[in-house]
Amino acid sequence: MKPGILIVGASGLIGQGVLTAALQDTSLGRIALLVRRPISTADVRVELLQADVFSDDRLGALDFTGLDACLYCAGPLPLGLSEAAYREVTLYMTMRVATAYAAANPQGRFLYLSGLGANAHSRIMPFRVKGEIEDALRTLNIPVCCLRPGGARPVQGEISPHAVRRWVYRLGDPILALCCMVAAGQFTTTRAIGRAMLQAARQTPMPAVVDHRAICAADQG
């Protein structure tokens, strides 16, 4: 039987890139998407698991069984958010989904899209909270992999769900393209992140961390 995966955050910019990589992978079977709003796709392998909020009771009502890996790409930018608010929509929401997935798939794997610089002891709030999430995920009873990319350039037609950011990415694409060339240690592509997540999900043993350099390497060839 072909392996099944769960993608969380498939409507976001990075999540779209991960979904594209999954749709291009013919070795995958069921591709479940945990979403708040429907996503349109013609691929018959895709199944929508919809919940308007990711609370314990709503998640508990969904069928997560039979999914070999969860690729977690959800999470807002920290702009305009207090540390408490950012922690709620990142750390606590991530753990609710991870706990529900792990309970339904004791042999599963959880891959979390973290970020370059994640460190629970960082003085920079987003890096600190990302590090806290990584530490919390290690308490799960299933293997966990944290991917730490830098800035990401959309290269597969991904469109930000936020109108203002769509224009920012459109106007700033030449700059992002240049950054990917001259600052490869800080920037990568959505295609690389999607490929790196799928590659890590297949590895045995699965790596605990996939750093920025390894993510960029997935975009070669």
N, C-alpha and C. Protein backbone atom coordinates (compact mmCIF):
# COMPACT_ATOMS: atom_id res chain seq x y z
N MET A 1 0.84 -1.19 0.00
CA MET A 1 0.00 0.00 0.00
C MET A 1 0.88 1.25 0.00
N LYS A 2 0.49 2.24 -0.79
CA LYS A 2 1.25 3.47 -0.84
C LYS A 2 1.07 4.25 0.46
N PRO A 3 2.14 4.94 0.91
CA PRO A 3 2.04 5.70 2.15
C PRO A 3 1.10 6.89 2.03
N GLY A 4 0.48 7.23 3.16
CA GLY A 4 -0.39 8.39 3.21
C GLY A 4 0.22 9.48 4.08
N ILE A 5 -0.06 10.73 3.76
CA ILE A 5 0.47 11.84 4.54
C ILE A 5 -0.64 12.82 4.90
N LEU A 6 -0.40 13.57 5.95
CA LEU A 6 -1.27 14.67 6.36
C LEU A 6 -0.48 15.96 6.21
N ILE A 7 -1.04 16.95 5.52
CA ILE A 7 -0.41 18.26 5.40
C ILE A 7 -1.27 19.27 6.15
N VAL A 8 -0.64 20.00 7.04
CA VAL A 8 -1.33 21.06 7.79
C VAL A 8 -0.78 22.40 7.31
N GLY A 9 -1.67 23.30 6.91
CA GLY A 9 -1.24 24.61 6.42
C GLY A 9 -1.06 24.66 4.92
N ALA A 10 -1.79 23.83 4.18
CA ALA A 10 -1.59 23.73 2.73
C ALA A 10 -2.05 24.98 1.98
N SER A 11 -2.81 25.86 2.63
CA SER A 11 -3.25 27.08 1.96
C SER A 11 -2.23 28.21 2.09
N GLY A 12 -1.27 28.07 2.98
CA GLY A 12 -0.24 29.08 3.16
C GLY A 12 0.80 29.01 2.07
N LEU A 13 1.67 30.01 2.02
CA LEU A 13 2.66 30.09 0.95
C LEU A 13 3.58 28.88 0.94
N ILE A 14 4.15 28.53 2.10
CA ILE A 14 5.05 27.37 2.16
C ILE A 14 4.24 26.08 2.01
N GLY A 15 3.08 26.03 2.64
CA GLY A 15 2.24 24.84 2.54
C GLY A 15 1.84 24.52 1.12
N GLN A 16 1.62 25.55 0.31
CA GLN A 16 1.31 25.31 -1.11
C GLN A 16 2.49 24.62 -1.80
N GLY A 17 3.69 25.04 -1.44
CA GLY A 17 4.87 24.41 -2.03
C GLY A 17 5.01 22.96 -1.62
N VAL A 18 4.70 22.67 -0.36
CA VAL A 18 4.76 21.29 0.13
C VAL A 18 3.68 20.45 -0.55
N LEU A 19 2.48 21.02 -0.70
CA LEU A 19 1.41 20.29 -1.39
C LEU A 19 1.79 20.01 -2.83
N THR A 20 2.39 20.98 -3.50
CA THR A 20 2.82 20.76 -4.89
C THR A 20 3.81 19.61 -4.98
N ALA A 21 4.76 19.57 -4.05
CA ALA A 21 5.74 18.48 -4.04
C ALA A 21 5.04 17.13 -3.82
N ALA A 22 4.04 17.12 -2.95
CA ALA A 22 3.31 15.88 -2.67
C ALA A 22 2.51 15.43 -3.89
N LEU A 23 1.87 16.37 -4.57
CA LEU A 23 1.07 16.02 -5.74
C LEU A 23 1.94 15.50 -6.88
N GLN A 24 3.18 15.94 -6.93
CA GLN A 24 4.10 15.48 -7.97
C GLN A 24 4.71 14.12 -7.65
N ASP A 25 4.51 13.66 -6.44
CA ASP A 25 5.12 12.40 -5.99
C ASP A 25 4.13 11.25 -6.20
N THR A 26 4.37 10.46 -7.21
CA THR A 26 3.45 9.36 -7.53
C THR A 26 3.56 8.18 -6.57
N SER A 27 4.57 8.20 -5.68
CA SER A 27 4.70 7.11 -4.72
C SER A 27 3.76 7.26 -3.54
N LEU A 28 3.13 8.44 -3.42
CA LEU A 28 2.21 8.68 -2.31
C LEU A 28 0.81 8.21 -2.65
N GLY A 29 0.11 7.75 -1.62
CA GLY A 29 -1.28 7.39 -1.78
C GLY A 29 -2.17 8.53 -1.28
N ARG A 30 -2.84 8.31 -0.16
CA ARG A 30 -3.75 9.31 0.41
C ARG A 30 -2.98 10.57 0.83
N ILE A 31 -3.48 11.72 0.41
CA ILE A 31 -2.92 13.01 0.80
C ILE A 31 -4.03 13.78 1.51
N ALA A 32 -4.01 13.74 2.82
CA ALA A 32 -5.04 14.42 3.61
C ALA A 32 -4.59 15.83 3.94
N LEU A 33 -5.51 16.78 3.85
CA LEU A 33 -5.21 18.18 4.15
C LEU A 33 -6.08 18.62 5.31
N LEU A 34 -5.45 19.04 6.40
CA LEU A 34 -6.18 19.61 7.53
C LEU A 34 -6.36 21.10 7.24
N VAL A 35 -7.60 21.53 7.04
CA VAL A 35 -7.88 22.89 6.60
C VAL A 35 -9.05 23.49 7.40
N ARG A 36 -9.07 24.82 7.41
CA ARG A 36 -10.22 25.53 7.96
C ARG A 36 -11.25 25.81 6.87
N ARG A 37 -10.77 26.03 5.65
CA ARG A 37 -11.63 26.30 4.50
C ARG A 37 -11.25 25.35 3.37
N PRO A 38 -12.21 24.99 2.52
CA PRO A 38 -11.93 24.04 1.44
C PRO A 38 -10.83 24.51 0.51
N ILE A 39 -10.08 23.55 -0.01
CA ILE A 39 -9.05 23.79 -1.02
C ILE A 39 -9.43 22.99 -2.26
N SER A 40 -9.36 23.61 -3.42
CA SER A 40 -9.74 22.93 -4.65
C SER A 40 -8.53 22.27 -5.29
N THR A 41 -8.67 20.99 -5.59
CA THR A 41 -7.63 20.25 -6.31
C THR A 41 -8.28 19.11 -7.07
N ALA A 42 -7.74 18.81 -8.24
CA ALA A 42 -8.31 17.76 -9.08
C ALA A 42 -7.73 16.39 -8.78
N ASP A 43 -6.72 16.32 -7.93
CA ASP A 43 -6.06 15.05 -7.64
C ASP A 43 -6.96 14.19 -6.76
N VAL A 44 -7.27 12.98 -7.24
CA VAL A 44 -8.21 12.12 -6.53
C VAL A 44 -7.64 11.58 -5.22
N ARG A 45 -6.33 11.72 -5.01
CA ARG A 45 -5.72 11.24 -3.77
C ARG A 45 -5.98 12.18 -2.61
N VAL A 46 -6.40 13.41 -2.91
CA VAL A 46 -6.54 14.42 -1.87
C VAL A 46 -7.85 14.28 -1.12
N GLU A 47 -7.76 14.34 0.19
CA GLU A 47 -8.93 14.28 1.08
C GLU A 47 -8.86 15.47 2.03
N LEU A 48 -9.95 16.20 2.16
CA LEU A 48 -9.99 17.35 3.05
C LEU A 48 -10.52 16.94 4.43
N LEU A 49 -9.79 17.32 5.45
CA LEU A 49 -10.23 17.17 6.83
C LEU A 49 -10.43 18.59 7.36
N GLN A 50 -11.70 18.99 7.50
CA GLN A 50 -12.00 20.39 7.75
C GLN A 50 -12.47 20.63 9.18
N ALA A 51 -11.90 21.69 9.79
CA ALA A 51 -12.31 22.13 11.12
C ALA A 51 -12.14 23.64 11.17
N ASP A 52 -13.18 24.35 11.60
CA ASP A 52 -13.09 25.82 11.60
C ASP A 52 -12.11 26.32 12.64
N VAL A 53 -11.91 25.56 13.71
CA VAL A 53 -10.87 25.87 14.70
C VAL A 53 -10.16 24.57 15.04
N PHE A 54 -8.87 24.67 15.37
CA PHE A 54 -8.10 23.47 15.69
C PHE A 54 -8.10 23.26 17.20
N SER A 55 -9.28 23.01 17.73
CA SER A 55 -9.44 22.74 19.16
C SER A 55 -9.38 21.25 19.39
N ASP A 56 -9.22 20.84 20.65
CA ASP A 56 -9.11 19.41 20.96
C ASP A 56 -10.35 18.65 20.52
N ASP A 57 -11.54 19.22 20.74
CA ASP A 57 -12.76 18.49 20.40
C ASP A 57 -12.95 18.40 18.89
N ARG A 58 -12.65 19.48 18.15
CA ARG A 58 -12.79 19.43 16.69
C ARG A 58 -11.78 18.48 16.07
N LEU A 59 -10.57 18.51 16.55
CA LEU A 59 -9.55 17.60 16.03
C LEU A 59 -9.88 16.15 16.37
N GLY A 60 -10.43 15.94 17.56
CA GLY A 60 -10.77 14.58 17.97
C GLY A 60 -11.87 13.96 17.13
N ALA A 61 -12.65 14.79 16.44
CA ALA A 61 -13.74 14.29 15.61
C ALA A 61 -13.28 13.92 14.20
N LEU A 62 -12.04 14.21 13.86
CA LEU A 62 -11.52 13.93 12.52
C LEU A 62 -10.79 12.59 12.49
N ASP A 63 -10.75 11.98 11.31
CA ASP A 63 -10.09 10.67 11.15
C ASP A 63 -8.67 10.87 10.63
N PHE A 64 -7.70 10.78 11.55
CA PHE A 64 -6.29 10.90 11.19
C PHE A 64 -5.61 9.55 11.01
N THR A 65 -6.35 8.47 11.12
CA THR A 65 -5.73 7.14 11.07
C THR A 65 -5.20 6.84 9.67
N GLY A 66 -4.18 5.99 9.64
CA GLY A 66 -3.64 5.52 8.36
C GLY A 66 -2.77 6.51 7.63
N LEU A 67 -2.24 7.51 8.36
CA LEU A 67 -1.39 8.53 7.73
C LEU A 67 0.02 8.37 8.27
N ASP A 68 0.95 8.03 7.40
CA ASP A 68 2.30 7.66 7.83
C ASP A 68 3.12 8.84 8.33
N ALA A 69 2.81 10.04 7.86
CA ALA A 69 3.58 11.21 8.29
C ALA A 69 2.68 12.44 8.27
N CYS A 70 2.95 13.36 9.18
CA CYS A 70 2.26 14.65 9.22
C CYS A 70 3.29 15.73 8.89
N LEU A 71 3.02 16.51 7.86
CA LEU A 71 3.89 17.61 7.45
C LEU A 71 3.22 18.91 7.90
N TYR A 72 3.75 19.51 8.95
CA TYR A 72 3.10 20.66 9.57
C TYR A 72 3.74 21.95 9.09
N CYS A 73 2.97 22.73 8.30
CA CYS A 73 3.50 23.95 7.69
C CYS A 73 2.72 25.19 8.12
N ALA A 74 1.80 25.05 9.06
CA ALA A 74 0.95 26.17 9.46
C ALA A 74 1.68 27.11 10.41
N GLY A 75 1.15 28.31 10.53
CA GLY A 75 1.71 29.27 11.47
C GLY A 75 1.78 30.65 10.88
N PRO A 76 1.40 31.69 11.63
CA PRO A 76 1.41 33.05 11.12
C PRO A 76 2.78 33.69 11.24
N LEU A 77 2.98 34.76 10.50
CA LEU A 77 4.14 35.61 10.74
C LEU A 77 3.93 36.34 12.07
N PRO A 78 4.99 36.63 12.80
CA PRO A 78 4.83 37.25 14.11
C PRO A 78 4.53 38.75 14.07
N LEU A 79 4.41 39.33 12.88
CA LEU A 79 4.22 40.77 12.75
C LEU A 79 2.94 41.21 13.45
N GLY A 80 3.07 42.14 14.37
CA GLY A 80 1.90 42.69 15.06
C GLY A 80 1.34 41.83 16.16
N LEU A 81 1.97 40.71 16.45
CA LEU A 81 1.48 39.80 17.50
C LEU A 81 2.34 39.93 18.75
N SER A 82 1.68 39.91 19.91
CA SER A 82 2.42 39.85 21.16
C SER A 82 3.02 38.46 21.31
N GLU A 83 3.96 38.31 22.23
CA GLU A 83 4.55 36.99 22.43
C GLU A 83 3.50 35.98 22.87
N ALA A 84 2.58 36.40 23.73
CA ALA A 84 1.53 35.49 24.21
C ALA A 84 0.63 35.05 23.05
N ALA A 85 0.25 35.99 22.20
CA ALA A 85 -0.61 35.66 21.07
C ALA A 85 0.11 34.77 20.07
N TYR A 86 1.37 35.07 19.82
CA TYR A 86 2.14 34.26 18.88
C TYR A 86 2.33 32.85 19.41
N ARG A 87 2.57 32.73 20.69
CA ARG A 87 2.74 31.41 21.30
C ARG A 87 1.44 30.60 21.20
N GLU A 88 0.31 31.25 21.39
CA GLU A 88 -0.98 30.54 21.32
C GLU A 88 -1.22 29.96 19.93
N VAL A 89 -0.98 30.76 18.89
CA VAL A 89 -1.30 30.29 17.54
C VAL A 89 -0.18 29.49 16.90
N THR A 90 0.93 29.36 17.58
CA THR A 90 2.01 28.51 17.08
C THR A 90 2.24 27.33 18.02
N LEU A 91 2.77 27.57 19.18
CA LEU A 91 3.10 26.49 20.11
C LEU A 91 1.88 25.65 20.48
N TYR A 92 0.84 26.27 21.02
CA TYR A 92 -0.28 25.50 21.55
C TYR A 92 -1.10 24.85 20.44
N MET A 93 -1.31 25.56 19.33
CA MET A 93 -2.06 24.96 18.23
C MET A 93 -1.29 23.81 17.61
N THR A 94 0.01 24.00 17.43
CA THR A 94 0.83 22.93 16.88
C THR A 94 0.77 21.69 17.75
N MET A 95 0.85 21.87 19.05
CA MET A 95 0.83 20.72 19.96
C MET A 95 -0.52 20.03 19.97
N ARG A 96 -1.60 20.78 19.81
CA ARG A 96 -2.91 20.13 19.76
C ARG A 96 -3.02 19.23 18.54
N VAL A 97 -2.57 19.73 17.39
CA VAL A 97 -2.61 18.92 16.17
C VAL A 97 -1.66 17.74 16.29
N ALA A 98 -0.45 17.98 16.77
CA ALA A 98 0.54 16.91 16.88
C ALA A 98 0.07 15.81 17.81
N THR A 99 -0.54 16.18 18.92
CA THR A 99 -1.03 15.19 19.89
C THR A 99 -2.14 14.35 19.28
N ALA A 100 -3.08 15.00 18.56
CA ALA A 100 -4.17 14.27 17.92
C ALA A 100 -3.64 13.33 16.85
N TYR A 101 -2.68 13.81 16.06
CA TYR A 101 -2.10 12.95 15.02
C TYR A 101 -1.37 11.76 15.63
N ALA A 102 -0.55 12.00 16.64
CA ALA A 102 0.23 10.93 17.26
C ALA A 102 -0.67 9.88 17.90
N ALA A 103 -1.77 10.33 18.49
CA ALA A 103 -2.70 9.38 19.12
C ALA A 103 -3.33 8.45 18.09
N ALA A 104 -3.58 8.97 16.89
CA ALA A 104 -4.21 8.17 15.84
C ALA A 104 -3.19 7.34 15.06
N ASN A 105 -1.91 7.73 15.13
CA ASN A 105 -0.86 7.06 14.35
C ASN A 105 0.37 6.81 15.21
N PRO A 106 0.30 5.84 16.11
CA PRO A 106 1.44 5.58 17.01
C PRO A 106 2.71 5.17 16.28
N GLN A 107 2.60 4.77 15.02
CA GLN A 107 3.78 4.44 14.22
C GLN A 107 4.12 5.55 13.23
N GLY A 108 3.47 6.70 13.40
CA GLY A 108 3.65 7.79 12.44
C GLY A 108 4.88 8.63 12.71
N ARG A 109 5.03 9.67 11.90
CA ARG A 109 6.15 10.60 12.00
C ARG A 109 5.60 12.02 11.90
N PHE A 110 6.21 12.95 12.62
CA PHE A 110 5.75 14.33 12.61
C PHE A 110 6.90 15.23 12.16
N LEU A 111 6.65 16.00 11.10
CA LEU A 111 7.66 16.92 10.58
C LEU A 111 7.15 18.34 10.72
N TYR A 112 7.93 19.17 11.37
CA TYR A 112 7.51 20.53 11.70
C TYR A 112 8.36 21.56 10.95
N LEU A 113 7.69 22.49 10.28
CA LEU A 113 8.39 23.57 9.61
C LEU A 113 8.71 24.65 10.64
N SER A 114 9.93 24.63 11.12
CA SER A 114 10.39 25.58 12.12
C SER A 114 11.03 26.76 11.40
N GLY A 115 12.23 27.13 11.72
CA GLY A 115 12.86 28.25 11.04
C GLY A 115 14.31 28.40 11.43
N LEU A 116 15.07 29.01 10.55
CA LEU A 116 16.48 29.29 10.80
C LEU A 116 16.59 30.14 12.07
N GLY A 117 17.44 29.70 13.00
CA GLY A 117 17.64 30.46 14.23
C GLY A 117 16.76 30.03 15.38
N ALA A 118 15.91 29.01 15.19
CA ALA A 118 15.03 28.57 16.28
C ALA A 118 15.85 28.13 17.49
N ASN A 119 15.54 28.70 18.64
CA ASN A 119 16.29 28.40 19.86
C ASN A 119 15.46 28.87 21.05
N ALA A 120 15.12 27.96 21.93
CA ALA A 120 14.28 28.29 23.07
C ALA A 120 14.91 29.31 24.00
N HIS A 121 16.20 29.53 23.86
CA HIS A 121 16.89 30.50 24.73
C HIS A 121 17.24 31.81 24.00
N SER A 122 16.73 31.96 22.79
CA SER A 122 17.02 33.16 22.01
C SER A 122 16.39 34.39 22.66
N ARG A 123 17.02 35.52 22.47
CA ARG A 123 16.46 36.79 22.94
C ARG A 123 15.44 37.35 21.95
N ILE A 124 15.38 36.76 20.76
CA ILE A 124 14.46 37.22 19.72
C ILE A 124 13.18 36.38 19.81
N MET A 125 12.05 37.05 20.03
CA MET A 125 10.81 36.35 20.36
C MET A 125 10.43 35.24 19.37
N PRO A 126 10.33 35.48 18.06
CA PRO A 126 9.92 34.39 17.17
C PRO A 126 10.86 33.20 17.21
N PHE A 127 12.18 33.45 17.30
CA PHE A 127 13.14 32.36 17.37
C PHE A 127 12.95 31.58 18.67
N ARG A 128 12.67 32.30 19.75
CA ARG A 128 12.49 31.66 21.06
C ARG A 128 11.25 30.76 21.06
N VAL A 129 10.14 31.26 20.53
CA VAL A 129 8.91 30.47 20.51
C VAL A 129 9.06 29.26 19.59
N LYS A 130 9.70 29.45 18.44
CA LYS A 130 9.95 28.30 17.54
C LYS A 130 10.78 27.24 18.26
N GLY A 131 11.79 27.68 19.01
CA GLY A 131 12.59 26.73 19.78
C GLY A 131 11.77 26.02 20.84
N GLU A 132 10.85 26.73 21.46
CA GLU A 132 9.98 26.11 22.46
C GLU A 132 9.09 25.04 21.83
N ILE A 133 8.62 25.32 20.62
CA ILE A 133 7.80 24.32 19.92
C ILE A 133 8.62 23.07 19.63
N GLU A 134 9.83 23.27 19.13
CA GLU A 134 10.69 22.11 18.86
C GLU A 134 10.88 21.27 20.11
N ASP A 135 11.15 21.92 21.24
CA ASP A 135 11.36 21.18 22.50
C ASP A 135 10.09 20.45 22.91
N ALA A 136 8.94 21.10 22.76
CA ALA A 136 7.67 20.48 23.16
C ALA A 136 7.36 19.26 22.29
N LEU A 137 7.65 19.37 21.00
CA LEU A 137 7.37 18.25 20.10
C LEU A 137 8.21 17.01 20.44
N ARG A 138 9.36 17.22 21.03
CA ARG A 138 10.22 16.09 21.40
C ARG A 138 9.58 15.21 22.48
N THR A 139 8.55 15.72 23.13
CA THR A 139 7.88 14.93 24.17
C THR A 139 6.86 13.95 23.58
N LEU A 140 6.59 14.04 22.28
CA LEU A 140 5.68 13.10 21.65
C LEU A 140 6.29 11.70 21.63
N ASN A 141 5.43 10.70 21.53
CA ASN A 141 5.94 9.33 21.52
C ASN A 141 6.17 8.81 20.11
N ILE A 142 6.33 9.72 19.15
CA ILE A 142 6.64 9.34 17.78
C ILE A 142 7.85 10.16 17.31
N PRO A 143 8.54 9.72 16.27
CA PRO A 143 9.69 10.48 15.77
C PRO A 143 9.28 11.87 15.28
N VAL A 144 10.12 12.86 15.55
CA VAL A 144 9.86 14.25 15.16
C VAL A 144 11.07 14.79 14.40
N CYS A 145 10.80 15.51 13.33
CA CYS A 145 11.84 16.18 12.55
C CYS A 145 11.48 17.65 12.42
N CYS A 146 12.42 18.52 12.73
CA CYS A 146 12.21 19.96 12.60
C CYS A 146 13.06 20.50 11.45
N LEU A 147 12.41 21.15 10.50
CA LEU A 147 13.12 21.74 9.37
C LEU A 147 13.30 23.23 9.64
N ARG A 148 14.52 23.73 9.38
CA ARG A 148 14.86 25.11 9.73
C ARG A 148 15.31 25.90 8.51
N PRO A 149 14.36 26.25 7.63
CA PRO A 149 14.74 27.07 6.47
C PRO A 149 14.85 28.54 6.83
N GLY A 150 15.56 29.29 5.98
CA GLY A 150 15.57 30.73 6.10
C GLY A 150 14.40 31.31 5.31
N GLY A 151 14.60 32.47 4.72
CA GLY A 151 13.54 33.06 3.90
C GLY A 151 13.26 32.21 2.68
N ALA A 152 12.00 32.20 2.23
CA ALA A 152 11.62 31.34 1.11
C ALA A 152 11.07 32.16 -0.05
N ARG A 153 11.58 31.87 -1.23
CA ARG A 153 11.07 32.49 -2.45
C ARG A 153 10.07 31.55 -3.11
N PRO A 154 8.83 32.00 -3.38
CA PRO A 154 7.86 31.14 -4.08
C PRO A 154 8.25 31.00 -5.55
N VAL A 155 8.40 29.77 -6.02
CA VAL A 155 8.88 29.55 -7.39
C VAL A 155 7.98 28.59 -8.18
N GLN A 156 6.85 28.19 -7.60
CA GLN A 156 5.97 27.24 -8.28
C GLN A 156 4.56 27.80 -8.45
N GLY A 157 4.46 29.11 -8.45
CA GLY A 157 3.15 29.72 -8.60
C GLY A 157 2.38 29.87 -7.30
N GLU A 158 3.05 29.68 -6.17
CA GLU A 158 2.38 29.84 -4.89
C GLU A 158 1.94 31.29 -4.70
N ILE A 159 0.79 31.48 -4.11
CA ILE A 159 0.23 32.82 -3.90
C ILE A 159 -0.11 32.97 -2.43
N SER A 160 0.38 34.03 -1.81
CA SER A 160 0.08 34.27 -0.40
C SER A 160 -1.43 34.45 -0.21
N PRO A 161 -2.00 33.89 0.85
CA PRO A 161 -3.43 34.09 1.12
C PRO A 161 -3.75 35.50 1.59
N HIS A 162 -2.74 36.31 1.83
CA HIS A 162 -2.94 37.68 2.30
C HIS A 162 -2.69 38.65 1.15
N ALA A 163 -3.66 39.51 0.86
CA ALA A 163 -3.61 40.39 -0.31
C ALA A 163 -2.37 41.27 -0.34
N VAL A 164 -2.05 41.90 0.79
CA VAL A 164 -0.89 42.80 0.82
C VAL A 164 0.39 42.04 0.56
N ARG A 165 0.52 40.86 1.15
CA ARG A 165 1.74 40.08 0.96
C ARG A 165 1.87 39.58 -0.47
N ARG A 166 0.74 39.35 -1.13
CA ARG A 166 0.81 38.93 -2.54
C ARG A 166 1.55 39.98 -3.36
N TRP A 167 1.24 41.26 -3.13
CA TRP A 167 1.91 42.33 -3.85
C TRP A 167 3.37 42.45 -3.44
N VAL A 168 3.63 42.24 -2.16
CA VAL A 168 5.01 42.31 -1.68
C VAL A 168 5.86 41.24 -2.37
N TYR A 169 5.33 40.02 -2.43
CA TYR A 169 6.09 38.94 -3.07
C TYR A 169 6.23 39.18 -4.57
N ARG A 170 5.18 39.71 -5.19
CA ARG A 170 5.24 39.95 -6.63
C ARG A 170 6.28 41.02 -6.96
N LEU A 171 6.23 42.12 -6.25
CA LEU A 171 7.16 43.22 -6.51
C LEU A 171 8.58 42.88 -6.06
N GLY A 172 8.67 42.07 -5.00
CA GLY A 172 9.99 41.77 -4.45
C GLY A 172 10.65 40.53 -5.01
N ASP A 173 10.00 39.87 -5.99
CA ASP A 173 10.56 38.62 -6.50
C ASP A 173 11.97 38.77 -7.08
N PRO A 174 12.26 39.82 -7.84
CA PRO A 174 13.65 39.96 -8.33
C PRO A 174 14.67 40.05 -7.20
N ILE A 175 14.29 40.69 -6.11
CA ILE A 175 15.19 40.80 -4.96
C ILE A 175 15.36 39.43 -4.31
N LEU A 176 14.25 38.70 -4.16
CA LEU A 176 14.33 37.36 -3.56
C LEU A 176 15.17 36.43 -4.43
N ALA A 177 15.03 36.55 -5.75
CA ALA A 177 15.83 35.72 -6.66
C ALA A 177 17.31 36.00 -6.48
N LEU A 178 17.65 37.28 -6.34
CA LEU A 178 19.04 37.66 -6.12
C LEU A 178 19.53 37.15 -4.77
N CYS A 179 18.67 37.24 -3.74
CA CYS A 179 19.05 36.76 -2.41
C CYS A 179 19.35 35.27 -2.43
N CYS A 180 18.55 34.51 -3.20
CA CYS A 180 18.78 33.07 -3.27
C CYS A 180 20.14 32.75 -3.91
N MET A 181 20.62 33.66 -4.74
CA MET A 181 21.91 33.44 -5.40
C MET A 181 23.08 33.91 -4.55
N VAL A 182 22.97 35.09 -3.98
CA VAL A 182 24.12 35.68 -3.28
C VAL A 182 24.07 35.49 -1.76
N ALA A 183 22.92 35.08 -1.24
CA ALA A 183 22.80 34.84 0.20
C ALA A 183 22.13 33.49 0.43
N ALA A 184 22.71 32.46 -0.20
CA ALA A 184 22.11 31.12 -0.14
C ALA A 184 22.07 30.57 1.29
N GLY A 185 22.88 31.14 2.17
CA GLY A 185 22.85 30.67 3.55
C GLY A 185 21.66 31.19 4.33
N GLN A 186 20.91 32.11 3.73
CA GLN A 186 19.77 32.72 4.41
C GLN A 186 18.45 32.54 3.66
N PHE A 187 18.51 32.20 2.37
CA PHE A 187 17.30 32.12 1.56
C PHE A 187 17.25 30.81 0.78
N THR A 188 16.03 30.33 0.55
CA THR A 188 15.82 29.11 -0.22
C THR A 188 14.53 29.27 -1.02
N THR A 189 13.97 28.17 -1.52
CA THR A 189 12.74 28.23 -2.31
C THR A 189 11.66 27.34 -1.70
N THR A 190 10.43 27.63 -2.08
CA THR A 190 9.32 26.79 -1.63
C THR A 190 9.46 25.37 -2.18
N ARG A 191 10.00 25.24 -3.37
CA ARG A 191 10.21 23.91 -3.96
C ARG A 191 11.19 23.09 -3.13
N ALA A 192 12.27 23.75 -2.69
CA ALA A 192 13.27 23.05 -1.88
C ALA A 192 12.68 22.58 -0.56
N ILE A 193 11.87 23.41 0.07
CA ILE A 193 11.27 23.03 1.36
C ILE A 193 10.35 21.84 1.18
N GLY A 194 9.51 21.87 0.14
CA GLY A 194 8.60 20.74 -0.10
C GLY A 194 9.35 19.45 -0.34
N ARG A 195 10.38 19.51 -1.18
CA ARG A 195 11.15 18.30 -1.47
C ARG A 195 11.89 17.80 -0.23
N ALA A 196 12.43 18.74 0.56
CA ALA A 196 13.18 18.35 1.76
C ALA A 196 12.27 17.68 2.78
N MET A 197 11.05 18.17 2.91
CA MET A 197 10.12 17.56 3.88
C MET A 197 9.81 16.12 3.48
N LEU A 198 9.52 15.92 2.22
CA LEU A 198 9.20 14.56 1.76
C LEU A 198 10.40 13.64 1.87
N GLN A 199 11.58 14.14 1.56
CA GLN A 199 12.78 13.32 1.68
C GLN A 199 13.02 12.91 3.13
N ALA A 200 12.88 13.87 4.04
CA ALA A 200 13.10 13.56 5.46
C ALA A 200 12.07 12.56 5.96
N ALA A 201 10.83 12.68 5.50
CA ALA A 201 9.77 11.78 5.95
C ALA A 201 10.06 10.32 5.58
N ARG A 202 10.83 10.13 4.50
CA ARG A 202 11.12 8.76 4.04
C ARG A 202 12.35 8.15 4.71
N GLN A 203 13.20 8.98 5.30
CA GLN A 203 14.47 8.49 5.83
C GLN A 203 14.27 7.65 7.09
N THR A 204 15.10 6.61 7.20
CA THR A 204 15.10 5.76 8.40
C THR A 204 16.55 5.57 8.85
N PRO A 205 16.87 6.07 10.07
CA PRO A 205 15.97 6.84 10.93
C PRO A 205 15.76 8.24 10.38
N MET A 206 14.64 8.84 10.75
CA MET A 206 14.35 10.20 10.30
C MET A 206 15.24 11.17 11.07
N PRO A 207 15.82 12.16 10.38
CA PRO A 207 16.67 13.12 11.09
C PRO A 207 15.87 13.96 12.08
N ALA A 208 16.49 14.32 13.20
CA ALA A 208 15.81 15.17 14.18
C ALA A 208 15.71 16.60 13.69
N VAL A 209 16.70 17.03 12.91
CA VAL A 209 16.74 18.39 12.38
C VAL A 209 17.22 18.34 10.94
N VAL A 210 16.58 19.13 10.08
CA VAL A 210 17.08 19.35 8.71
C VAL A 210 17.40 20.83 8.62
N ASP A 211 18.67 21.17 8.50
CA ASP A 211 19.06 22.57 8.52
C ASP A 211 18.91 23.22 7.15
N HIS A 212 19.16 24.51 7.11
CA HIS A 212 18.95 25.29 5.89
C HIS A 212 19.76 24.76 4.72
N ARG A 213 21.01 24.41 4.99
CA ARG A 213 21.87 23.92 3.90
C ARG A 213 21.31 22.64 3.28
N ALA A 214 20.83 21.72 4.11
CA ALA A 214 20.27 20.47 3.61
C ALA A 214 18.97 20.72 2.84
N ILE A 215 18.21 21.70 3.29
CA ILE A 215 16.99 22.05 2.56
C ILE A 215 17.33 22.57 1.17
N CYS A 216 18.30 23.44 1.08
CA CYS A 216 18.71 23.99 -0.22
C CYS A 216 19.20 22.88 -1.15
N ALA A 217 19.88 21.89 -0.58
CA ALA A 217 20.41 20.79 -1.38
C ALA A 217 19.30 19.99 -2.04
N ALA A 218 18.11 19.98 -1.41
CA ALA A 218 16.99 19.22 -1.97
C ALA A 218 16.49 19.84 -3.26
N ASP A 219 16.88 21.07 -3.55
CA ASP A 219 16.42 21.77 -4.75
C ASP A 219 17.34 21.54 -5.94
N GLN A 220 18.37 20.75 -5.74
CA GLN A 220 19.32 20.49 -6.83
C GLN A 220 18.80 19.38 -7.73
N GLY A 221 19.01 19.54 -9.00
CA GLY A 221 18.65 18.50 -9.94
C GLY A 221 17.23 18.59 -10.42
